[in-house]
């Protein structure tokens, strides 16, 4: 399994909150996808899984799956920006 490069991952809480507040959201049964467009950087991702999903093992598994889904489909997101993917209970 290939990994997502570290420069493609959003880690700072300030940046994640910016995506959450200013991004356009798309909701599915399994996750919520926030897209925040910027002009100066390649597409980057942040993944979140709340305690409602289950224990730490389950939450980490969900986050790994979501990062892998993003890695495989990042070419379909044209342009630049930041993405926040939040796992939901059915996942």
N, C-alpha and C. Protein backbone atom coordinates (compact mmCIF):
# COMPACT_ATOMS: atom_id res chain seq x y z
N UNK A 1 0.84 -1.18 0.00
CA UNK A 1 0.00 0.00 0.00
C UNK A 1 0.89 1.24 0.00
N UNK A 2 0.60 2.15 -0.89
CA UNK A 2 1.34 3.41 -0.95
C UNK A 2 0.81 4.35 0.11
N UNK A 3 1.67 5.28 0.54
CA UNK A 3 1.26 6.25 1.54
C UNK A 3 1.08 7.61 0.91
N UNK A 4 0.25 8.41 1.55
CA UNK A 4 0.06 9.79 1.15
C UNK A 4 1.25 10.59 1.66
N UNK A 5 1.92 11.39 0.82
CA UNK A 5 3.07 12.17 1.28
C UNK A 5 2.69 13.13 2.41
N UNK A 6 3.60 13.36 3.34
CA UNK A 6 3.33 14.20 4.50
C UNK A 6 2.97 15.64 4.13
N UNK A 7 3.52 16.13 3.01
CA UNK A 7 3.19 17.50 2.62
C UNK A 7 1.77 17.62 2.08
N UNK A 8 1.08 16.52 1.89
CA UNK A 8 -0.31 16.52 1.43
C UNK A 8 -1.32 16.36 2.57
N UNK A 9 -0.84 16.33 3.82
CA UNK A 9 -1.71 16.14 4.97
C UNK A 9 -1.77 17.42 5.80
N UNK A 10 -2.97 17.85 6.13
CA UNK A 10 -3.18 19.03 6.98
C UNK A 10 -3.18 18.54 8.43
N UNK A 11 -2.33 19.12 9.26
CA UNK A 11 -2.22 18.70 10.65
C UNK A 11 -2.66 19.76 11.65
N UNK A 12 -2.49 21.02 11.31
CA UNK A 12 -2.73 22.09 12.27
C UNK A 12 -4.22 22.33 12.49
N UNK A 13 -4.60 22.44 13.75
CA UNK A 13 -5.99 22.66 14.11
C UNK A 13 -6.54 23.94 13.49
N UNK A 14 -5.73 24.97 13.42
CA UNK A 14 -6.15 26.25 12.84
C UNK A 14 -6.57 26.06 11.38
N UNK A 15 -5.79 25.30 10.63
CA UNK A 15 -6.10 25.05 9.22
C UNK A 15 -7.35 24.18 9.08
N UNK A 16 -7.50 23.20 9.97
CA UNK A 16 -8.67 22.32 9.92
C UNK A 16 -9.93 23.12 10.22
N UNK A 17 -9.88 24.02 11.20
CA UNK A 17 -11.03 24.86 11.52
C UNK A 17 -11.37 25.80 10.36
N UNK A 18 -10.36 26.26 9.65
CA UNK A 18 -10.57 27.13 8.50
C UNK A 18 -11.31 26.37 7.39
N UNK A 19 -10.93 25.13 7.17
CA UNK A 19 -11.61 24.29 6.17
C UNK A 19 -13.06 24.06 6.59
N UNK A 20 -13.26 23.74 7.87
CA UNK A 20 -14.59 23.44 8.40
C UNK A 20 -15.52 24.64 8.29
N UNK A 21 -15.02 25.82 8.62
CA UNK A 21 -15.87 27.02 8.62
C UNK A 21 -16.09 27.58 7.21
N UNK A 22 -15.06 27.56 6.38
CA UNK A 22 -15.16 28.23 5.09
C UNK A 22 -15.36 27.31 3.90
N UNK A 23 -15.31 26.01 4.13
CA UNK A 23 -15.40 25.08 3.02
C UNK A 23 -16.82 24.74 2.62
N UNK A 24 -16.97 24.28 1.40
CA UNK A 24 -18.26 23.80 0.91
C UNK A 24 -18.38 22.35 1.32
N UNK A 25 -19.52 21.96 1.89
CA UNK A 25 -19.67 20.59 2.38
C UNK A 25 -20.52 19.75 1.45
N UNK A 26 -20.15 18.48 1.39
CA UNK A 26 -20.89 17.47 0.64
C UNK A 26 -21.11 16.30 1.61
N UNK A 27 -22.35 15.90 1.78
CA UNK A 27 -22.68 14.89 2.78
C UNK A 27 -23.11 13.60 2.10
N UNK A 28 -22.55 12.49 2.58
CA UNK A 28 -22.99 11.17 2.16
C UNK A 28 -23.34 10.37 3.42
N UNK A 29 -23.79 9.19 3.23
CA UNK A 29 -24.13 8.35 4.37
C UNK A 29 -22.90 8.00 5.20
N UNK A 30 -21.76 7.86 4.56
CA UNK A 30 -20.56 7.37 5.22
C UNK A 30 -19.59 8.45 5.69
N UNK A 31 -19.61 9.60 5.06
CA UNK A 31 -18.69 10.66 5.48
C UNK A 31 -19.19 12.03 5.04
N UNK A 32 -18.59 13.07 5.62
CA UNK A 32 -18.84 14.45 5.22
C UNK A 32 -17.54 14.97 4.61
N UNK A 33 -17.65 15.59 3.47
CA UNK A 33 -16.50 16.04 2.70
C UNK A 33 -16.56 17.56 2.62
N UNK A 34 -15.57 18.25 3.20
CA UNK A 34 -15.48 19.71 3.13
C UNK A 34 -14.37 20.08 2.17
N UNK A 35 -14.67 20.98 1.25
CA UNK A 35 -13.68 21.42 0.26
C UNK A 35 -13.49 22.93 0.40
N UNK A 36 -12.25 23.34 0.65
CA UNK A 36 -11.89 24.75 0.80
C UNK A 36 -10.88 25.07 -0.29
N UNK A 37 -11.29 25.87 -1.26
CA UNK A 37 -10.43 26.20 -2.41
C UNK A 37 -9.42 27.28 -2.05
N UNK A 38 -8.16 27.05 -2.44
CA UNK A 38 -7.10 28.05 -2.33
C UNK A 38 -6.34 28.06 -3.64
N UNK A 39 -5.56 29.08 -3.88
CA UNK A 39 -4.87 29.20 -5.16
C UNK A 39 -3.39 28.86 -5.10
N UNK A 40 -2.82 28.79 -3.93
CA UNK A 40 -1.37 28.75 -3.85
C UNK A 40 -0.75 27.39 -3.52
N UNK A 41 -1.54 26.36 -3.28
CA UNK A 41 -0.94 25.10 -2.86
C UNK A 41 -1.64 23.92 -3.52
N UNK A 42 -0.97 22.78 -3.60
CA UNK A 42 -1.62 21.59 -4.15
C UNK A 42 -2.69 21.09 -3.17
N UNK A 43 -3.52 20.19 -3.64
CA UNK A 43 -4.61 19.66 -2.82
C UNK A 43 -4.05 18.93 -1.59
N UNK A 44 -4.60 19.26 -0.41
CA UNK A 44 -4.16 18.66 0.85
C UNK A 44 -5.38 18.12 1.58
N UNK A 45 -5.17 17.16 2.49
CA UNK A 45 -6.29 16.50 3.15
C UNK A 45 -6.10 16.45 4.66
N UNK A 46 -7.22 16.53 5.37
CA UNK A 46 -7.28 16.28 6.81
C UNK A 46 -8.40 15.27 7.01
N UNK A 47 -8.19 14.33 7.92
CA UNK A 47 -9.18 13.29 8.17
C UNK A 47 -9.53 13.31 9.65
N UNK A 48 -10.84 13.22 9.95
CA UNK A 48 -11.30 13.24 11.33
C UNK A 48 -12.29 12.10 11.56
N UNK A 49 -12.26 11.56 12.77
CA UNK A 49 -13.20 10.52 13.17
C UNK A 49 -13.51 10.74 14.65
N UNK A 50 -14.75 11.07 14.95
CA UNK A 50 -15.15 11.36 16.33
C UNK A 50 -15.36 10.12 17.16
N UNK A 51 -15.54 10.31 18.44
CA UNK A 51 -15.70 9.19 19.37
C UNK A 51 -17.01 8.43 19.16
N UNK A 52 -17.95 9.01 18.46
CA UNK A 52 -19.20 8.31 18.19
C UNK A 52 -18.98 7.07 17.32
N UNK A 53 -17.88 7.05 16.59
CA UNK A 53 -17.59 5.91 15.72
C UNK A 53 -17.21 4.66 16.49
N UNK A 54 -16.58 4.82 17.64
CA UNK A 54 -16.16 3.65 18.41
C UNK A 54 -14.84 3.91 19.10
N UNK A 55 -14.18 2.82 19.47
CA UNK A 55 -12.92 2.95 20.19
C UNK A 55 -11.78 3.37 19.25
N UNK A 56 -10.59 3.55 19.81
CA UNK A 56 -9.45 4.08 19.05
C UNK A 56 -9.09 3.20 17.86
N UNK A 57 -9.20 1.90 18.02
CA UNK A 57 -8.85 0.98 16.92
C UNK A 57 -9.78 1.22 15.73
N UNK A 58 -11.06 1.35 15.99
CA UNK A 58 -12.03 1.57 14.92
C UNK A 58 -11.83 2.94 14.29
N UNK A 59 -11.63 3.97 15.12
CA UNK A 59 -11.43 5.32 14.58
C UNK A 59 -10.20 5.39 13.70
N UNK A 60 -9.10 4.78 14.13
CA UNK A 60 -7.88 4.79 13.31
C UNK A 60 -8.07 4.01 12.02
N UNK A 61 -8.82 2.92 12.07
CA UNK A 61 -9.11 2.16 10.87
C UNK A 61 -9.91 2.99 9.87
N UNK A 62 -10.91 3.72 10.37
CA UNK A 62 -11.72 4.59 9.52
C UNK A 62 -10.84 5.66 8.89
N UNK A 63 -9.96 6.28 9.68
CA UNK A 63 -9.09 7.33 9.14
C UNK A 63 -8.13 6.77 8.09
N UNK A 64 -7.59 5.59 8.30
CA UNK A 64 -6.72 4.97 7.29
C UNK A 64 -7.47 4.73 5.99
N UNK A 65 -8.69 4.23 6.09
CA UNK A 65 -9.50 3.97 4.90
C UNK A 65 -9.79 5.27 4.14
N UNK A 66 -10.17 6.31 4.88
CA UNK A 66 -10.49 7.58 4.24
C UNK A 66 -9.27 8.20 3.57
N UNK A 67 -8.09 8.11 4.21
CA UNK A 67 -6.87 8.62 3.58
C UNK A 67 -6.54 7.85 2.31
N UNK A 68 -6.74 6.53 2.33
CA UNK A 68 -6.46 5.72 1.15
C UNK A 68 -7.44 6.05 0.02
N UNK A 69 -8.70 6.23 0.35
CA UNK A 69 -9.69 6.62 -0.66
C UNK A 69 -9.30 7.95 -1.29
N UNK A 70 -8.88 8.91 -0.46
CA UNK A 70 -8.44 10.20 -0.98
C UNK A 70 -7.22 10.03 -1.87
N UNK A 71 -6.24 9.24 -1.44
CA UNK A 71 -5.01 9.05 -2.21
C UNK A 71 -5.32 8.50 -3.60
N UNK A 72 -6.24 7.54 -3.66
CA UNK A 72 -6.56 6.91 -4.94
C UNK A 72 -7.37 7.82 -5.86
N UNK A 73 -8.09 8.78 -5.29
CA UNK A 73 -8.98 9.62 -6.09
C UNK A 73 -8.59 11.08 -6.15
N UNK A 74 -7.41 11.44 -5.66
CA UNK A 74 -7.02 12.85 -5.63
C UNK A 74 -6.86 13.46 -7.01
N UNK A 75 -6.61 12.66 -8.02
CA UNK A 75 -6.46 13.20 -9.37
C UNK A 75 -7.79 13.74 -9.91
N UNK A 76 -8.91 13.30 -9.35
CA UNK A 76 -10.22 13.77 -9.80
C UNK A 76 -10.56 15.14 -9.23
N UNK A 77 -9.81 15.58 -8.22
CA UNK A 77 -10.01 16.91 -7.65
C UNK A 77 -9.08 17.88 -8.34
N UNK A 78 -9.58 18.54 -9.37
CA UNK A 78 -8.76 19.47 -10.14
C UNK A 78 -8.52 20.75 -9.34
N UNK A 79 -7.40 21.37 -9.57
CA UNK A 79 -7.10 22.64 -8.92
C UNK A 79 -6.35 22.46 -7.61
N UNK A 80 -6.48 23.46 -6.76
CA UNK A 80 -5.78 23.42 -5.49
C UNK A 80 -6.77 23.72 -4.38
N UNK A 81 -6.41 23.30 -3.18
CA UNK A 81 -7.27 23.56 -2.05
C UNK A 81 -6.99 22.61 -0.91
N UNK A 82 -7.88 22.62 0.06
CA UNK A 82 -7.75 21.76 1.22
C UNK A 82 -9.05 21.01 1.42
N UNK A 83 -8.95 19.77 1.86
CA UNK A 83 -10.10 18.90 2.03
C UNK A 83 -10.13 18.38 3.46
N UNK A 84 -11.31 18.35 4.05
CA UNK A 84 -11.52 17.74 5.35
C UNK A 84 -12.54 16.64 5.17
N UNK A 85 -12.21 15.41 5.56
CA UNK A 85 -13.12 14.29 5.47
C UNK A 85 -13.42 13.82 6.89
N UNK A 86 -14.71 13.81 7.23
CA UNK A 86 -15.13 13.41 8.57
C UNK A 86 -15.94 12.13 8.44
N UNK A 87 -15.46 11.06 9.10
CA UNK A 87 -16.14 9.77 9.07
C UNK A 87 -17.44 9.82 9.86
N UNK A 88 -18.44 9.07 9.41
CA UNK A 88 -19.73 9.01 10.10
C UNK A 88 -19.99 7.59 10.59
N UNK A 89 -20.96 7.42 11.44
CA UNK A 89 -21.25 6.17 12.13
C UNK A 89 -21.40 4.95 11.19
N UNK A 90 -22.13 5.03 10.08
CA UNK A 90 -22.28 3.84 9.22
C UNK A 90 -20.97 3.32 8.62
N UNK A 91 -19.94 4.15 8.62
CA UNK A 91 -18.66 3.72 8.05
C UNK A 91 -18.09 2.60 8.88
